[in-house]
Amino acid sequence: MKYLLHLSALTLGLLFTACGSNAQQPAKPTSAAVGTRIDVIQFHSEHRCETCLHIEGMTKEVLNSEFAAEMKNGTFTFRLVNVDKEANAKIAEEFGAYGTALFLHAHKNGKDEKIDLTEWAFMKANDAAKFKAELTQKLRADR
């Protein structure tokens, strides 16, 4: 079983082309963010492809322009996680991320929901306008 997971991880890595940066810790939520928080998490490999970097840039642009207040008060956070770093093994395993992946991790009223946007992100990565509009819509829906 472990061999199959490793093989799947390698296959995904080759499929999406290897994608590297250090993990950034999400901002600590303020008291205003206690009820609901959305963590946007982008996983990547040590060597990052152009598409991975483009997804990161567009995601940050949406968060910083459309959700600046939420980013400032900690209701929304953005985190980069390098899955090749041993320190990130636990979170990568928790999300099943063994290469490039994009997740929304919604924390609402004491419940957690992990929303995998990876396939969607790669399908829309070449159309910045659609990517940004649809990501904005997804983030508004999960508030």
Protein backbone atom coordinates (compact mmCIF):
# COMPACT_ATOMS: atom_id res chain seq x y z
CA MET A 1 0.00 0.00 0.00
CA LYS A 2 2.77 2.42 0.94
CA TYR A 3 4.52 1.54 -2.32
CA LEU A 4 1.35 2.42 -4.28
CA LEU A 5 1.05 5.77 -2.50
CA HIS A 6 4.67 6.53 -3.24
CA LEU A 7 4.23 5.51 -6.87
CA SER A 8 1.09 7.66 -7.13
CA ALA A 9 2.95 10.61 -5.65
CA LEU A 10 5.77 10.21 -8.15
CA THR A 11 3.32 9.94 -11.02
CA LEU A 12 1.51 13.12 -9.95
CA GLY A 13 4.83 14.89 -9.57
CA LEU A 14 5.80 13.96 -13.10
CA LEU A 15 2.33 14.80 -14.42
CA PHE A 16 2.33 18.32 -13.04
CA THR A 17 6.08 18.83 -13.42
CA ALA A 18 7.92 19.24 -10.20
CA CYS A 19 7.03 22.40 -8.37
CA GLY A 20 9.79 24.89 -4.11
CA SER A 21 9.64 27.42 -1.43
CA ASN A 22 9.51 27.34 2.32
CA ALA A 23 6.23 26.81 4.10
CA GLN A 24 4.66 29.94 5.45
CA GLN A 25 2.68 29.78 8.65
CA PRO A 26 -0.88 31.08 8.44
CA ALA A 27 -1.67 34.25 10.32
CA LYS A 28 -3.12 33.81 13.78
CA PRO A 29 -6.86 34.47 13.62
CA THR A 30 -8.15 37.38 15.64
CA SER A 31 -11.25 37.22 17.80
CA ALA A 32 -13.26 38.37 14.77
CA ALA A 33 -12.22 35.18 12.98
CA VAL A 34 -13.10 32.70 15.73
CA GLY A 35 -16.36 31.48 14.12
CA THR A 36 -15.14 31.07 10.55
CA ARG A 37 -11.70 30.96 8.97
CA ILE A 38 -10.58 29.88 5.53
CA ASP A 39 -7.00 28.78 5.02
CA VAL A 40 -5.92 28.70 1.39
CA ILE A 41 -3.08 26.19 1.16
CA GLN A 42 -0.90 25.64 -1.87
CA PHE A 43 1.29 22.55 -1.72
CA HIS A 44 4.30 22.20 -3.99
CA SER A 45 7.47 20.22 -4.56
CA GLU A 46 11.01 21.57 -4.25
CA HIS A 47 11.24 22.44 -7.95
CA ARG A 48 8.27 24.47 -9.09
CA CYS A 49 6.85 24.71 -12.58
CA GLU A 50 5.60 27.87 -14.28
CA THR A 51 1.95 26.82 -13.86
CA CYS A 52 2.40 26.26 -10.12
CA LEU A 53 3.94 29.71 -9.73
CA HIS A 54 1.17 31.26 -11.85
CA ILE A 55 -1.54 29.63 -9.69
CA GLU A 56 0.20 30.99 -6.58
CA GLY A 57 0.38 34.50 -8.02
CA MET A 58 -3.24 34.60 -9.12
CA THR A 59 -4.41 33.17 -5.79
CA LYS A 60 -2.47 35.78 -3.83
CA GLU A 61 -3.78 38.53 -6.12
CA VAL A 62 -7.39 37.48 -5.45
CA LEU A 63 -6.82 37.25 -1.70
CA ASN A 64 -5.01 40.59 -1.47
CA SER A 65 -7.45 42.50 -3.68
CA GLU A 66 -10.87 40.96 -3.05
CA PHE A 67 -10.34 39.81 0.54
CA ALA A 68 -7.82 42.31 1.94
CA ALA A 69 -9.85 42.91 5.11
CA GLU A 70 -10.22 39.17 5.73
CA MET A 71 -6.49 38.63 5.18
CA LYS A 72 -5.68 41.46 7.59
CA ASN A 73 -7.93 40.20 10.40
CA GLY A 74 -6.96 36.52 9.92
CA THR A 75 -10.34 35.31 8.66
CA PHE A 76 -8.53 34.23 5.48
CA THR A 77 -4.94 33.00 5.38
CA PHE A 78 -2.59 31.86 2.64
CA ARG A 79 0.07 29.24 3.18
CA LEU A 80 2.71 27.68 0.93
CA VAL A 81 3.75 24.18 1.93
CA ASN A 82 6.77 22.45 0.41
CA VAL A 83 5.88 18.73 0.51
CA ASP A 84 9.53 17.75 0.07
CA LYS A 85 10.45 19.17 3.49
CA GLU A 86 10.27 16.66 6.35
CA ALA A 87 8.72 19.31 8.62
CA ASN A 88 5.67 19.40 6.33
CA ALA A 89 5.14 15.64 6.05
CA LYS A 90 2.23 15.56 8.49
CA ILE A 91 0.16 18.27 6.79
CA ALA A 92 0.95 16.89 3.33
CA GLU A 93 -0.28 13.47 4.43
CA GLU A 94 -3.37 14.97 6.09
CA PHE A 95 -4.39 16.55 2.79
CA GLY A 96 -3.07 13.77 0.55
CA ALA A 97 -0.81 16.28 -1.17
CA TYR A 98 2.36 14.76 -2.63
CA GLY A 99 3.10 17.47 -5.16
CA THR A 100 1.35 20.57 -6.44
CA ALA A 101 -2.13 20.96 -4.93
CA LEU A 102 -4.47 23.81 -3.99
CA PHE A 103 -6.89 23.47 -1.08
CA LEU A 104 -9.39 25.58 0.79
CA HIS A 105 -9.47 24.50 4.42
CA ALA A 106 -12.66 25.97 5.86
CA HIS A 107 -13.11 26.12 9.63
CA LYS A 108 -16.77 26.88 10.42
CA ASN A 109 -18.45 26.61 13.78
CA GLY A 110 -15.98 24.04 15.06
CA LYS A 111 -16.06 21.90 11.89
CA ASP A 112 -13.33 21.56 9.28
CA GLU A 113 -13.85 21.01 5.56
CA LYS A 114 -11.06 20.40 3.06
CA ILE A 115 -11.93 21.46 -0.49
CA ASP A 116 -9.53 20.23 -3.17
CA LEU A 117 -9.24 22.80 -5.96
CA THR A 118 -6.20 21.22 -7.61
CA GLU A 119 -7.81 19.93 -10.79
CA TRP A 120 -9.87 23.09 -11.17
CA ALA A 121 -6.78 25.31 -10.67
CA PHE A 122 -4.79 23.52 -13.36
CA MET A 123 -7.75 23.60 -15.77
CA LYS A 124 -8.16 27.38 -15.30
CA ALA A 125 -4.50 28.39 -14.89
CA ASN A 126 -4.20 29.58 -18.50
CA ASP A 127 -7.19 31.91 -18.22
CA ALA A 128 -6.37 34.46 -15.52
CA ALA A 129 -9.71 36.26 -15.74
CA LYS A 130 -11.73 33.05 -15.26
CA PHE A 131 -9.38 31.76 -12.57
CA LYS A 132 -9.66 34.95 -10.53
CA ALA A 133 -13.42 35.33 -10.98
CA GLU A 134 -14.15 31.71 -10.11
CA LEU A 135 -11.76 31.64 -7.14
CA THR A 136 -13.39 34.82 -5.81
CA GLN A 137 -16.79 33.14 -6.17
CA LYS A 138 -15.59 29.97 -4.40
CA LEU A 139 -14.14 31.96 -1.52
CA ARG A 140 -17.30 34.04 -1.12
CA ALA A 141 -19.42 30.87 -1.09
CA ASP A 142 -17.34 29.31 1.68
CA ARG A 143 -17.53 32.29 4.04
